[in-house]
Amino acid sequence: MSLLKTIDPAPAFEPKHALPAPERLISGSPAFKTWAQDSARNGTVNTGVWEATPGETHSIKGETFEFCHILEGVIELTEQGKAPVIYRAGDSFVMKPGYVGVWKTIETVRKIYVTVS
């Protein structure tokens, strides 16, 4: 087993499709696709590619740490009590455990993610 994993930004396999939980939806009709590509440490570390169509949802990380690298699209994140921040293709950011805010997808977004729970 190799300990090196390449994340494919345009995977050829079928993604998992999802919609936001009704209590998380703020506006629009966003739809999500997830191409999970690796899992480690009994499923507590996960990597892959995620895509969302335009809409606005509550983002609540709980105990999860998430690193994101935007491959395409535009989003606006507004941490509770803070000013909005825009991220575009090429940008990277981290949402730390306890993060609560609003995720607004302005243009369909595709990102590489790493989550640690």
PDB file of N, CA and C in Angstrom:
ATOM      1  N   MET A   1       0.837  -1.177   0.000  1.00  0.00           N
ATOM      2  CA  MET A   1       0.000   0.000   0.000  1.00  0.00           C
ATOM      3  C   MET A   1       0.883   1.243   0.000  1.00  0.00           C
ATOM      4  N   SER A   2       0.627   2.133  -0.932  1.00  0.00           N
ATOM      5  CA  SER A   2       1.388   3.375  -1.022  1.00  0.00           C
ATOM      6  C   SER A   2       0.878   4.386  -0.001  1.00  0.00           C
ATOM      7  N   LEU A   3       1.775   5.154   0.540  1.00  0.00           N
ATOM      8  CA  LEU A   3       1.407   6.219   1.472  1.00  0.00           C
ATOM      9  C   LEU A   3       1.353   7.566   0.767  1.00  0.00           C
ATOM     10  N   LEU A   4       1.409   7.539  -0.565  1.00  0.00           N
ATOM     11  CA  LEU A   4       1.280   8.741  -1.385  1.00  0.00           C
ATOM     12  C   LEU A   4      -0.027   8.635  -2.156  1.00  0.00           C
ATOM     13  N   LYS A   5      -0.862   9.668  -2.064  1.00  0.00           N
ATOM     14  CA  LYS A   5      -2.162   9.660  -2.743  1.00  0.00           C
ATOM     15  C   LYS A   5      -2.304  10.932  -3.565  1.00  0.00           C
ATOM     16  N   THR A   6      -2.515  10.779  -4.866  1.00  0.00           N
ATOM     17  CA  THR A   6      -2.773  11.909  -5.747  1.00  0.00           C
ATOM     18  C   THR A   6      -4.279  12.139  -5.795  1.00  0.00           C
ATOM     19  N   ILE A   7      -4.689  13.390  -5.600  1.00  0.00           N
ATOM     20  CA  ILE A   7      -6.114  13.726  -5.678  1.00  0.00           C
ATOM     21  C   ILE A   7      -6.406  14.186  -7.106  1.00  0.00           C
ATOM     22  N   ASP A   8      -7.291  13.478  -7.784  1.00  0.00           N
ATOM     23  CA  ASP A   8      -7.674  13.793  -9.158  1.00  0.00           C
ATOM     24  C   ASP A   8      -8.715  14.912  -9.134  1.00  0.00           C
ATOM     25  N   PRO A   9      -8.408  16.100  -9.694  1.00  0.00           N
ATOM     26  CA  PRO A   9      -9.367  17.210  -9.652  1.00  0.00           C
ATOM     27  C   PRO A   9     -10.577  17.024 -10.572  1.00  0.00           C
ATOM     28  N   ALA A  10     -10.489  16.067 -11.507  1.00  0.00           N
ATOM     29  CA  ALA A  10     -11.592  15.791 -12.438  1.00  0.00           C
ATOM     30  C   ALA A  10     -11.808  14.280 -12.521  1.00  0.00           C
ATOM     31  N   PRO A  11     -12.254  13.664 -11.429  1.00  0.00           N
ATOM     32  CA  PRO A  11     -12.391  12.214 -11.413  1.00  0.00           C
ATOM     33  C   PRO A  11     -13.415  11.705 -12.422  1.00  0.00           C
ATOM     34  N   ALA A  12     -13.139  10.520 -12.974  1.00  0.00           N
ATOM     35  CA  ALA A  12     -14.000   9.936 -14.004  1.00  0.00           C
ATOM     36  C   ALA A  12     -15.125   9.089 -13.404  1.00  0.00           C
ATOM     37  N   PHE A  13     -15.042   8.748 -12.128  1.00  0.00           N
ATOM     38  CA  PHE A  13     -16.091   7.900 -11.531  1.00  0.00           C
ATOM     39  C   PHE A  13     -17.283   8.742 -11.082  1.00  0.00           C
ATOM     40  N   GLU A  14     -18.404   8.081 -10.879  1.00  0.00           N
ATOM     41  CA  GLU A  14     -19.658   8.738 -10.508  1.00  0.00           C
ATOM     42  C   GLU A  14     -19.570   9.304  -9.089  1.00  0.00           C
ATOM     43  N   PRO A  15     -19.967  10.575  -8.904  1.00  0.00           N
ATOM     44  CA  PRO A  15     -19.926  11.163  -7.566  1.00  0.00           C
ATOM     45  C   PRO A  15     -21.148  10.757  -6.742  1.00  0.00           C
ATOM     46  N   LYS A  16     -21.061  11.023  -5.462  1.00  0.00           N
ATOM     47  CA  LYS A  16     -22.226  10.917  -4.577  1.00  0.00           C
ATOM     48  C   LYS A  16     -22.978  12.237  -4.706  1.00  0.00           C
ATOM     49  N   HIS A  17     -24.280  12.178  -4.948  1.00  0.00           N
ATOM     50  CA  HIS A  17     -25.113  13.371  -5.099  1.00  0.00           C
ATOM     51  C   HIS A  17     -25.838  13.642  -3.784  1.00  0.00           C
ATOM     52  N   ALA A  18     -25.982  14.936  -3.444  1.00  0.00           N
ATOM     53  CA  ALA A  18     -26.676  15.298  -2.207  1.00  0.00           C
ATOM     54  C   ALA A  18     -27.284  16.688  -2.327  1.00  0.00           C
ATOM     55  N   LEU A  19     -28.215  16.957  -1.442  1.00  0.00           N
ATOM     56  CA  LEU A  19     -28.825  18.281  -1.293  1.00  0.00           C
ATOM     57  C   LEU A  19     -28.576  18.721   0.140  1.00  0.00           C
ATOM     58  N   PRO A  20     -28.625  20.024   0.405  1.00  0.00           N
ATOM     59  CA  PRO A  20     -28.432  20.469   1.788  1.00  0.00           C
ATOM     60  C   PRO A  20     -29.595  20.008   2.665  1.00  0.00           C
ATOM     61  N   ALA A  21     -29.300  19.773   3.931  1.00  0.00           N
ATOM     62  CA  ALA A  21     -30.366  19.472   4.881  1.00  0.00           C
ATOM     63  C   ALA A  21     -31.299  20.682   4.932  1.00  0.00           C
ATOM     64  N   PRO A  22     -32.607  20.472   4.998  1.00  0.00           N
ATOM     65  CA  PRO A  22     -33.556  21.590   4.977  1.00  0.00           C
ATOM     66  C   PRO A  22     -33.255  22.679   6.008  1.00  0.00           C
ATOM     67  N   GLU A  23     -32.792  22.277   7.193  1.00  0.00           N
ATOM     68  CA  GLU A  23     -32.500  23.263   8.234  1.00  0.00           C
ATOM     69  C   GLU A  23     -31.231  24.075   7.957  1.00  0.00           C
ATOM     70  N   ARG A  24     -30.426  23.631   6.983  1.00  0.00           N
ATOM     71  CA  ARG A  24     -29.203  24.359   6.607  1.00  0.00           C
ATOM     72  C   ARG A  24     -29.427  25.294   5.421  1.00  0.00           C
ATOM     73  N   LEU A  25     -30.477  25.068   4.639  1.00  0.00           N
ATOM     74  CA  LEU A  25     -30.725  25.861   3.433  1.00  0.00           C
ATOM     75  C   LEU A  25     -31.194  27.267   3.799  1.00  0.00           C
ATOM     76  N   ILE A  26     -30.536  28.273   3.202  1.00  0.00           N
ATOM     77  CA  ILE A  26     -30.935  29.671   3.392  1.00  0.00           C
ATOM     78  C   ILE A  26     -31.659  30.170   2.144  1.00  0.00           C
ATOM     79  N   SER A  27     -31.038  29.965   0.965  1.00  0.00           N
ATOM     80  CA  SER A  27     -31.671  30.403  -0.284  1.00  0.00           C
ATOM     81  C   SER A  27     -31.129  29.614  -1.464  1.00  0.00           C
ATOM     82  N   GLY A  28     -31.887  29.652  -2.564  1.00  0.00           N
ATOM     83  CA  GLY A  28     -31.494  28.944  -3.777  1.00  0.00           C
ATOM     84  C   GLY A  28     -31.832  27.469  -3.698  1.00  0.00           C
ATOM     85  N   SER A  29     -31.284  26.710  -4.649  1.00  0.00           N
ATOM     86  CA  SER A  29     -31.466  25.256  -4.680  1.00  0.00           C
ATOM     87  C   SER A  29     -30.137  24.582  -4.961  1.00  0.00           C
ATOM     88  N   PRO A  30     -29.164  24.741  -4.068  1.00  0.00           N
ATOM     89  CA  PRO A  30     -27.863  24.141  -4.331  1.00  0.00           C
ATOM     90  C   PRO A  30     -27.921  22.623  -4.339  1.00  0.00           C
ATOM     91  N   ALA A  31     -27.096  22.040  -5.192  1.00  0.00           N
ATOM     92  CA  ALA A  31     -26.923  20.593  -5.248  1.00  0.00           C
ATOM     93  C   ALA A  31     -25.433  20.311  -5.114  1.00  0.00           C
ATOM     94  N   PHE A  32     -25.110  19.200  -4.457  1.00  0.00           N
ATOM     95  CA  PHE A  32     -23.723  18.874  -4.160  1.00  0.00           C
ATOM     96  C   PHE A  32     -23.315  17.566  -4.831  1.00  0.00           C
ATOM     97  N   LYS A  33     -22.045  17.495  -5.229  1.00  0.00           N
ATOM     98  CA  LYS A  33     -21.440  16.260  -5.719  1.00  0.00           C
ATOM     99  C   LYS A  33     -20.148  16.061  -4.946  1.00  0.00           C
ATOM    100  N   THR A  34     -19.908  14.830  -4.524  1.00  0.00           N
ATOM    101  CA  THR A  34     -18.682  14.509  -3.796  1.00  0.00           C
ATOM    102  C   THR A  34     -18.013  13.309  -4.438  1.00  0.00           C
ATOM    103  N   TRP A  35     -16.745  13.484  -4.764  1.00  0.00           N
ATOM    104  CA  TRP A  35     -15.906  12.402  -5.259  1.00  0.00           C
ATOM    105  C   TRP A  35     -14.908  12.079  -4.155  1.00  0.00           C
ATOM    106  N   ALA A  36     -15.288  11.230  -3.206  1.00  0.00           N
ATOM    107  CA  ALA A  36     -14.387  10.838  -2.117  1.00  0.00           C
ATOM    108  C   ALA A  36     -13.251  10.025  -2.720  1.00  0.00           C
ATOM    109  N   GLN A  37     -12.013  10.382  -2.368  1.00  0.00           N
ATOM    110  CA  GLN A  37     -10.878   9.714  -3.003  1.00  0.00           C
ATOM    111  C   GLN A  37      -9.949   9.011  -2.027  1.00  0.00           C
ATOM    112  N   ASP A  38     -10.037   9.348  -0.746  1.00  0.00           N
ATOM    113  CA  ASP A  38      -9.182   8.651   0.215  1.00  0.00           C
ATOM    114  C   ASP A  38      -9.739   8.857   1.615  1.00  0.00           C
ATOM    115  N   SER A  39      -9.526   7.868   2.446  1.00  0.00           N
ATOM    116  CA  SER A  39      -9.940   7.929   3.842  1.00  0.00           C
ATOM    117  C   SER A  39      -8.851   7.251   4.666  1.00  0.00           C
ATOM    118  N   ALA A  40      -8.564   7.817   5.833  1.00  0.00           N
ATOM    119  CA  ALA A  40      -7.517   7.263   6.685  1.00  0.00           C
ATOM    120  C   ALA A  40      -7.916   7.415   8.144  1.00  0.00           C
ATOM    121  N   ARG A  41      -7.143   6.777   9.001  1.00  0.00           N
ATOM    122  CA  ARG A  41      -7.350   6.856  10.446  1.00  0.00           C
ATOM    123  C   ARG A  41      -8.801   6.561  10.821  1.00  0.00           C
ATOM    124  N   ASN A  42      -9.261   5.393  10.338  1.00  0.00           N
ATOM    125  CA  ASN A  42     -10.629   4.930  10.636  1.00  0.00           C
ATOM    126  C   ASN A  42     -11.693   5.928  10.216  1.00  0.00           C
ATOM    127  N   GLY A  43     -11.475   6.591   9.070  1.00  0.00           N
ATOM    128  CA  GLY A  43     -12.471   7.500   8.523  1.00  0.00           C
ATOM    129  C   GLY A  43     -12.477   8.884   9.141  1.00  0.00           C
ATOM    130  N   THR A  44     -11.477   9.204   9.952  1.00  0.00           N
ATOM    131  CA  THR A  44     -11.437  10.531  10.564  1.00  0.00           C
ATOM    132  C   THR A  44     -10.698  11.554   9.696  1.00  0.00           C
ATOM    133  N   VAL A  45      -9.959  11.082   8.690  1.00  0.00           N
ATOM    134  CA  VAL A  45      -9.288  11.961   7.728  1.00  0.00           C
ATOM    135  C   VAL A  45      -9.799  11.578   6.341  1.00  0.00           C
ATOM    136  N   ASN A  46     -10.391  12.544   5.627  1.00  0.00           N
ATOM    137  CA  ASN A  46     -10.982  12.263   4.317  1.00  0.00           C
ATOM    138  C   ASN A  46     -10.535  13.307   3.306  1.00  0.00           C
ATOM    139  N   THR A  47     -10.312  12.858   2.071  1.00  0.00           N
ATOM    140  CA  THR A  47      -9.912  13.760   0.999  1.00  0.00           C
ATOM    141  C   THR A  47     -10.708  13.446  -0.257  1.00  0.00           C
ATOM    142  N   GLY A  48     -10.841  14.474  -1.098  1.00  0.00           N
ATOM    143  CA  GLY A  48     -11.530  14.278  -2.356  1.00  0.00           C
ATOM    144  C   GLY A  48     -11.851  15.600  -3.013  1.00  0.00           C
ATOM    145  N   VAL A  49     -12.846  15.537  -3.890  1.00  0.00           N
ATOM    146  CA  VAL A  49     -13.289  16.720  -4.636  1.00  0.00           C
ATOM    147  C   VAL A  49     -14.779  16.892  -4.362  1.00  0.00           C
ATOM    148  N   TRP A  50     -15.193  18.145  -4.197  1.00  0.00           N
ATOM    149  CA  TRP A  50     -16.592  18.475  -3.891  1.00  0.00           C
ATOM    150  C   TRP A  50     -17.018  19.604  -4.805  1.00  0.00           C
ATOM    151  N   GLU A  51     -18.258  19.553  -5.237  1.00  0.00           N
ATOM    152  CA  GLU A  51     -18.796  20.575  -6.141  1.00  0.00           C
ATOM    153  C   GLU A  51     -20.175  21.003  -5.641  1.00  0.00           C
ATOM    154  N   ALA A  52     -20.479  22.301  -5.793  1.00  0.00           N
ATOM    155  CA  ALA A  52     -21.792  22.821  -5.396  1.00  0.00           C
ATOM    156  C   ALA A  52     -22.272  23.832  -6.420  1.00  0.00           C
ATOM    157  N   THR A  53     -23.572  23.791  -6.697  1.00  0.00           N
ATOM    158  CA  THR A  53     -24.197  24.785  -7.567  1.00  0.00           C
ATOM    159  C   THR A  53     -24.625  25.975  -6.697  1.00  0.00           C
ATOM    160  N   PRO A  54     -24.953  27.106  -7.322  1.00  0.00           N
ATOM    161  CA  PRO A  54     -25.270  28.317  -6.555  1.00  0.00           C
ATOM    162  C   PRO A  54     -26.396  28.143  -5.540  1.00  0.00           C
ATOM    163  N   GLY A  55     -26.198  28.805  -4.416  1.00  0.00           N
ATOM    164  CA  GLY A  55     -27.151  28.805  -3.314  1.00  0.00           C
ATOM    165  C   GLY A  55     -26.440  29.217  -2.044  1.00  0.00           C
ATOM    166  N   GLU A  56     -27.201  29.260  -0.962  1.00  0.00           N
ATOM    167  CA  GLU A  56     -26.676  29.743   0.307  1.00  0.00           C
ATOM    168  C   GLU A  56     -27.107  28.801   1.422  1.00  0.00           C
ATOM    169  N   THR A  57     -26.140  28.377   2.237  1.00  0.00           N
ATOM    170  CA  THR A  57     -26.423  27.441   3.322  1.00  0.00           C
ATOM    171  C   THR A  57     -25.680  27.850   4.594  1.00  0.00           C
ATOM    172  N   HIS A  58     -26.189  27.363   5.727  1.00  0.00           N
ATOM    173  CA  HIS A  58     -25.476  27.507   6.995  1.00  0.00           C
ATOM    174  C   HIS A  58     -24.326  26.507   6.983  1.00  0.00           C
ATOM    175  N   SER A  59     -23.145  26.952   7.369  1.00  0.00           N
ATOM    176  CA  SER A  59     -21.972  26.090   7.462  1.00  0.00           C
ATOM    177  C   SER A  59     -21.588  25.962   8.927  1.00  0.00           C
ATOM    178  N   ILE A  60     -21.608  24.738   9.436  1.00  0.00           N
ATOM    179  CA  ILE A  60     -21.315  24.481  10.845  1.00  0.00           C
ATOM    180  C   ILE A  60     -20.313  23.332  10.900  1.00  0.00           C
ATOM    181  N   LYS A  61     -19.099  23.601  11.333  1.00  0.00           N
ATOM    182  CA  LYS A  61     -18.046  22.590  11.318  1.00  0.00           C
ATOM    183  C   LYS A  61     -18.049  21.672  12.525  1.00  0.00           C
ATOM    184  N   GLY A  62     -18.622  22.097  13.653  1.00  0.00           N
ATOM    185  CA  GLY A  62     -18.581  21.233  14.838  1.00  0.00           C
ATOM    186  C   GLY A  62     -17.143  20.960  15.233  1.00  0.00           C
ATOM    187  N   GLU A  63     -16.780  19.681  15.316  1.00  0.00           N
ATOM    188  CA  GLU A  63     -15.412  19.294  15.708  1.00  0.00           C
ATOM    189  C   GLU A  63     -14.512  19.045  14.504  1.00  0.00           C
ATOM    190  N   THR A  64     -14.985  19.361  13.304  1.00  0.00           N
ATOM    191  CA  THR A  64     -14.238  19.060  12.079  1.00  0.00           C
ATOM    192  C   THR A  64     -13.355  20.226  11.643  1.00  0.00           C
ATOM    193  N   PHE A  65     -12.132  19.897  11.251  1.00  0.00           N
ATOM    194  CA  PHE A  65     -11.176  20.816  10.640  1.00  0.00           C
ATOM    195  C   PHE A  65     -11.263  20.541   9.141  1.00  0.00           C
ATOM    196  N   GLU A  66     -11.386  21.595   8.313  1.00  0.00           N
ATOM    197  CA  GLU A  66     -11.452  21.385   6.861  1.00  0.00           C
ATOM    198  C   GLU A  66     -10.547  22.358   6.118  1.00  0.00           C
ATOM    199  N   PHE A  67      -9.669  21.787   5.286  1.00  0.00           N
ATOM    200  CA  PHE A  67      -8.838  22.550   4.356  1.00  0.00           C
ATOM    201  C   PHE A  67      -9.504  22.478   2.994  1.00  0.00           C
ATOM    202  N   CYS A  68      -9.603  23.614   2.286  1.00  0.00           N
ATOM    203  CA  CYS A  68     -10.205  23.659   0.956  1.00  0.00           C
ATOM    204  C   CYS A  68      -9.280  24.388  -0.013  1.00  0.00           C
ATOM    205  N   HIS A  69      -9.190  23.877  -1.224  1.00  0.00           N
ATOM    206  CA  HIS A  69      -8.495  24.561  -2.315  1.00  0.00           C
ATOM    207  C   HIS A  69      -9.496  24.673  -3.466  1.00  0.00           C
ATOM    208  N   ILE A  70      -9.826  25.903  -3.848  1.00  0.00           N
ATOM    209  CA  ILE A  70     -10.835  26.134  -4.887  1.00  0.00           C
ATOM    210  C   ILE A  70     -10.214  25.897  -6.268  1.00  0.00           C
ATOM    211  N   LEU A  71     -10.804  24.977  -7.021  1.00  0.00           N
ATOM    212  CA  LEU A  71     -10.354  24.668  -8.381  1.00  0.00           C
ATOM    213  C   LEU A  71     -11.051  25.554  -9.404  1.00  0.00           C
ATOM    214  N   GLU A  72     -12.344  25.813  -9.181  1.00  0.00           N
ATOM    215  CA  GLU A  72     -13.112  26.680 -10.080  1.00  0.00           C
ATOM    216  C   GLU A  72     -14.309  27.233  -9.324  1.00  0.00           C
ATOM    217  N   GLY A  73     -14.816  28.375  -9.807  1.00  0.00           N
ATOM    218  CA  GLY A  73     -15.989  28.985  -9.204  1.00  0.00           C
ATOM    219  C   GLY A  73     -15.656  30.103  -8.233  1.00  0.00           C
ATOM    220  N   VAL A  74     -16.719  30.626  -7.618  1.00  0.00           N
ATOM    221  CA  VAL A  74     -16.602  31.734  -6.672  1.00  0.00           C
ATOM    222  C   VAL A  74     -17.563  31.475  -5.510  1.00  0.00           C
ATOM    223  N   ILE A  75     -17.049  31.655  -4.289  1.00  0.00           N
ATOM    224  CA  ILE A  75     -17.878  31.538  -3.090  1.00  0.00           C
ATOM    225  C   ILE A  75     -17.656  32.742  -2.192  1.00  0.00           C
ATOM    226  N   GLU A  76     -18.613  32.944  -1.293  1.00  0.00           N
ATOM    227  CA  GLU A  76     -18.471  33.958  -0.256  1.00  0.00           C
ATOM    228  C   GLU A  76     -18.741  33.269   1.074  1.00  0.00           C
ATOM    229  N   LEU A  77     -17.771  33.357   1.994  1.00  0.00           N
ATOM    230  CA  LEU A  77     -17.946  32.800   3.329  1.00  0.00           C
ATOM    231  C   LEU A  77     -18.092  33.940   4.311  1.00  0.00           C
ATOM    232  N   THR A  78     -19.081  33.832   5.174  1.00  0.00           N
ATOM    233  CA  THR A  78     -19.286  34.839   6.203  1.00  0.00           C
ATOM    234  C   THR A  78     -19.314  34.140   7.551  1.00  0.00           C
ATOM    235  N   GLU A  79     -18.202  34.242   8.270  1.00  0.00           N
ATOM    236  CA  GLU A  79     -18.152  33.681   9.618  1.00  0.00           C
ATOM    237  C   GLU A  79     -19.061  34.505  10.519  1.00  0.00           C
ATOM    238  N   GLN A  80     -19.750  33.828  11.412  1.00  0.00           N
ATOM    239  CA  GLN A  80     -20.683  34.506  12.306  1.00  0.00           C
ATOM    240  C   GLN A  80     -19.984  35.677  13.011  1.00  0.00           C
ATOM    241  N   GLY A  81     -20.555  36.888  12.846  1.00  0.00           N
ATOM    242  CA  GLY A  81     -20.011  38.082  13.478  1.00  0.00           C
ATOM    243  C   GLY A  81     -18.846  38.726  12.750  1.00  0.00           C
ATOM    244  N   LYS A  82     -18.502  38.221  11.557  1.00  0.00           N
ATOM    245  CA  LYS A  82     -17.360  38.734  10.798  1.00  0.00           C
ATOM    246  C   LYS A  82     -17.811  39.227   9.427  1.00  0.00           C
ATOM    247  N   ALA A  83     -16.908  39.919   8.739  1.00  0.00           N
ATOM    248  CA  ALA A  83     -17.178  40.405   7.382  1.00  0.00           C
ATOM    249  C   ALA A  83     -17.075  39.247   6.378  1.00  0.00           C
ATOM    250  N   PRO A  84     -17.828  39.298   5.276  1.00  0.00           N
ATOM    251  CA  PRO A  84     -17.739  38.264   4.238  1.00  0.00           C
ATOM    252  C   PRO A  84     -16.350  38.232   3.589  1.00  0.00           C
ATOM    253  N   VAL A  85     -15.945  37.030   3.157  1.00  0.00           N
ATOM    254  CA  VAL A  85     -14.678  36.838   2.450  1.00  0.00           C
ATOM    255  C   VAL A  85     -14.982  36.084   1.159  1.00  0.00           C
ATOM    256  N   ILE A  86     -14.456  36.589   0.038  1.00  0.00           N
ATOM    257  CA  ILE A  86     -14.651  35.951  -1.273  1.00  0.00           C
ATOM    258  C   ILE A  86     -13.457  35.057  -1.579  1.00  0.00           C
ATOM    259  N   TYR A  87     -13.724  33.837  -2.067  1.00  0.00           N
ATOM    260  CA  TYR A  87     -12.681  32.913  -2.529  1.00  0.00           C
ATOM    261  C   TYR A  87     -12.988  32.519  -3.960  1.00  0.00           C
ATOM    262  N   ARG A  88     -11.919  32.470  -4.765  1.00  0.00           N
ATOM    263  CA  ARG A  88     -12.020  32.125  -6.190  1.00  0.00           C
ATOM    264  C   ARG A  88     -11.031  31.009  -6.526  1.00  0.00           C
ATOM    265  N   ALA A  89     -11.109  30.539  -7.760  1.00  0.00           N
ATOM    266  CA  ALA A  89     -10.177  29.513  -8.237  1.00  0.00           C
ATOM    267  C   ALA A  89      -8.743  29.904  -7.898  1.00  0.00           C
ATOM    268  N   GLY A  90      -8.015  28.961  -7.321  1.00  0.00           N
ATOM    269  CA  GLY A  90      -6.632  29.187  -6.927  1.00  0.00           C
ATOM    270  C   GLY A  90      -6.464  29.524  -5.457  1.00  0.00           C
ATOM    271  N   ASP A  91      -7.557  29.916  -4.787  1.00  0.00           N
ATOM    272  CA  ASP A  91      -7.491  30.270  -3.370  1.00  0.00           C
ATOM    273  C   ASP A  91      -7.619  29.026  -2.489  1.00  0.00           C
ATOM    274  N   SER A  92      -7.019  29.106  -1.303  1.00  0.00           N
ATOM    275  CA  SER A  92      -7.113  28.039  -0.306  1.00  0.00           C
ATOM    276  C   SER A  92      -7.480  28.650   1.033  1.00  0.00           C
ATOM    277  N   PHE A  93      -8.159  27.867   1.874  1.00  0.00           N
ATOM    278  CA  PHE A  93      -8.527  28.343   3.198  1.00  0.00           C
ATOM    279  C   PHE A  93      -8.788  27.158   4.121  1.00  0.00           C
ATOM    280  N   VAL A  94      -8.877  27.456   5.408  1.00  0.00           N
ATOM    281  CA  VAL A  94      -9.164  26.456   6.432  1.00  0.00           C
ATOM    282  C   VAL A  94     -10.349  26.930   7.254  1.00  0.00           C
ATOM    283  N   MET A  95     -11.283  26.025   7.511  1.00  0.00           N
ATOM    284  CA  MET A  95     -12.351  26.265   8.473  1.00  0.00           C
ATOM    285  C   MET A  95     -12.025  25.381   9.680  1.00  0.00           C
ATOM    286  N   LYS A  96     -11.786  26.010  10.819  1.00  0.00           N
ATOM    287  CA  LYS A  96     -11.366  25.296  12.014  1.00  0.00           C
ATOM    288  C   LYS A  96     -12.575  24.783  12.800  1.00  0.00           C
ATOM    289  N   PRO A  97     -12.340  23.798  13.685  1.00  0.00           N
ATOM    290  CA  PRO A  97     -13.430  23.305  14.519  1.00  0.00           C
ATOM    291  C   PRO A  97     -14.117  24.467  15.245  1.00  0.00           C
ATOM    292  N   GLY A  98     -15.432  24.411  15.281  1.00  0.00           N
ATOM    293  CA  GLY A  98     -16.214  25.464  15.909  1.00  0.00           C
ATOM    294  C   GLY A  98     -16.692  26.534  14.941  1.00  0.00           C
ATOM    295  N   TYR A  99     -16.196  26.499  13.688  1.00  0.00           N
ATOM    296  CA  TYR A  99     -16.607  27.499  12.701  1.00  0.00           C
ATOM    297  C   TYR A  99     -18.119  27.425  12.488  1.00  0.00           C
ATOM    298  N   VAL A 100     -18.760  28.598  12.499  1.00  0.00           N
ATOM    299  CA  VAL A 100     -20.187  28.726  12.187  1.00  0.00           C
ATOM    300  C   VAL A 100     -20.319  29.934  11.275  1.00  0.00           C
ATOM    301  N   GLY A 101     -21.015  29.772  10.163  1.00  0.00           N
ATOM    302  CA  GLY A 101     -21.191  30.891   9.248  1.00  0.00           C
ATOM    303  C   GLY A 101     -22.130  30.544   8.111  1.00  0.00           C
ATOM    304  N   VAL A 102     -22.002  31.328   7.037  1.00  0.00           N
ATOM    305  CA  VAL A 102     -22.823  31.146   5.843  1.00  0.00           C
ATOM    306  C   VAL A 102     -21.897  30.876   4.661  1.00  0.00           C
ATOM    307  N   TRP A 103     -22.230  29.825   3.909  1.00  0.00           N
ATOM    308  CA  TRP A 103     -21.510  29.478   2.682  1.00  0.00           C
ATOM    309  C   TRP A 103     -22.423  29.869   1.532  1.00  0.00           C
ATOM    310  N   LYS A 104     -21.970  30.818   0.719  1.00  0.00           N
ATOM    311  CA  LYS A 104     -22.754  31.251  -0.437  1.00  0.00           C
ATOM    312  C   LYS A 104     -21.967  30.905  -1.697  1.00  0.00           C
ATOM    313  N   THR A 105     -22.513  30.008  -2.499  1.00  0.00           N
ATOM    314  CA  THR A 105     -21.895  29.679  -3.781  1.00  0.00           C
ATOM    315  C   THR A 105     -22.453  30.661  -4.808  1.00  0.00           C
ATOM    316  N   ILE A 106     -21.566  31.507  -5.335  1.00  0.00           N
ATOM    317  CA  ILE A 106     -21.946  32.537  -6.306  1.00  0.00           C
ATOM    318  C   ILE A 106     -21.899  31.967  -7.720  1.00  0.00           C
ATOM    319  N   GLU A 107     -20.813  31.259  -8.029  1.00  0.00           N
ATOM    320  CA  GLU A 107     -20.661  30.522  -9.294  1.00  0.00           C
ATOM    321  C   GLU A 107     -20.324  29.094  -8.919  1.00  0.00           C
ATOM    322  N   THR A 108     -20.874  28.130  -9.634  1.00  0.00           N
ATOM    323  CA  THR A 108     -20.623  26.723  -9.308  1.00  0.00           C
ATOM    324  C   THR A 108     -19.166  26.542  -8.927  1.00  0.00           C
ATOM    325  N   VAL A 109     -18.968  25.915  -7.774  1.00  0.00           N
ATOM    326  CA  VAL A 109     -17.629  25.775  -7.206  1.00  0.00           C
ATOM    327  C   VAL A 109     -17.218  24.307  -7.195  1.00  0.00           C
ATOM    328  N   ARG A 110     -15.937  24.097  -7.435  1.00  0.00           N
ATOM    329  CA  ARG A 110     -15.336  22.769  -7.293  1.00  0.00           C
ATOM    330  C   ARG A 110     -14.083  22.957  -6.450  1.00  0.00           C
ATOM    331  N   LYS A 111     -13.949  22.126  -5.437  1.00  0.00           N
ATOM    332  CA  LYS A 111     -12.811  22.260  -4.527  1.00  0.00           C
ATOM    333  C   LYS A 111     -12.212  20.904  -4.199  1.00  0.00           C
ATOM    334  N   ILE A 112     -10.940  20.922  -3.865  1.00  0.00           N
ATOM    335  CA  ILE A 112     -10.292  19.770  -3.216  1.00  0.00           C
ATOM    336  C   ILE A 112     -10.438  20.006  -1.728  1.00  0.00           C
ATOM    337  N   TYR A 113     -10.817  18.980  -1.000  1.00  0.00           N
ATOM    338  CA  TYR A 113     -10.987  19.111   0.447  1.00  0.00           C
ATOM    339  C   TYR A 113     -10.184  18.069   1.199  1.00  0.00           C
ATOM    340  N   VAL A 114      -9.811  18.429   2.418  1.00  0.00           N
ATOM    341  CA  VAL A 114      -9.247  17.501   3.397  1.00  0.00           C
ATOM    342  C   VAL A 114      -9.973  17.802   4.695  1.00  0.00           C
ATOM    343  N   THR A 115     -10.662  16.808   5.245  1.00  0.00           N
ATOM    344  CA  THR A 115     -11.333  16.985   6.529  1.00  0.00           C
ATOM    345  C   THR A 115     -10.693  16.082   7.573  1.00  0.00           C
ATOM    346  N   VAL A 116     -10.615  16.595   8.789  1.00  0.00           N
ATOM    347  CA  VAL A 116     -10.106  15.838   9.919  1.00  0.00           C
ATOM    348  C   VAL A 116     -11.129  15.981  11.041  1.00  0.00           C
ATOM    349  N   SER A 117     -11.686  14.848  11.465  1.00  0.00           N
ATOM    350  CA  SER A 117     -12.710  14.876  12.523  1.00  0.00           C
ATOM    351  C   SER A 117     -12.146  14.352  13.819  1.00  0.00           C
TER     352      SER A 117
END
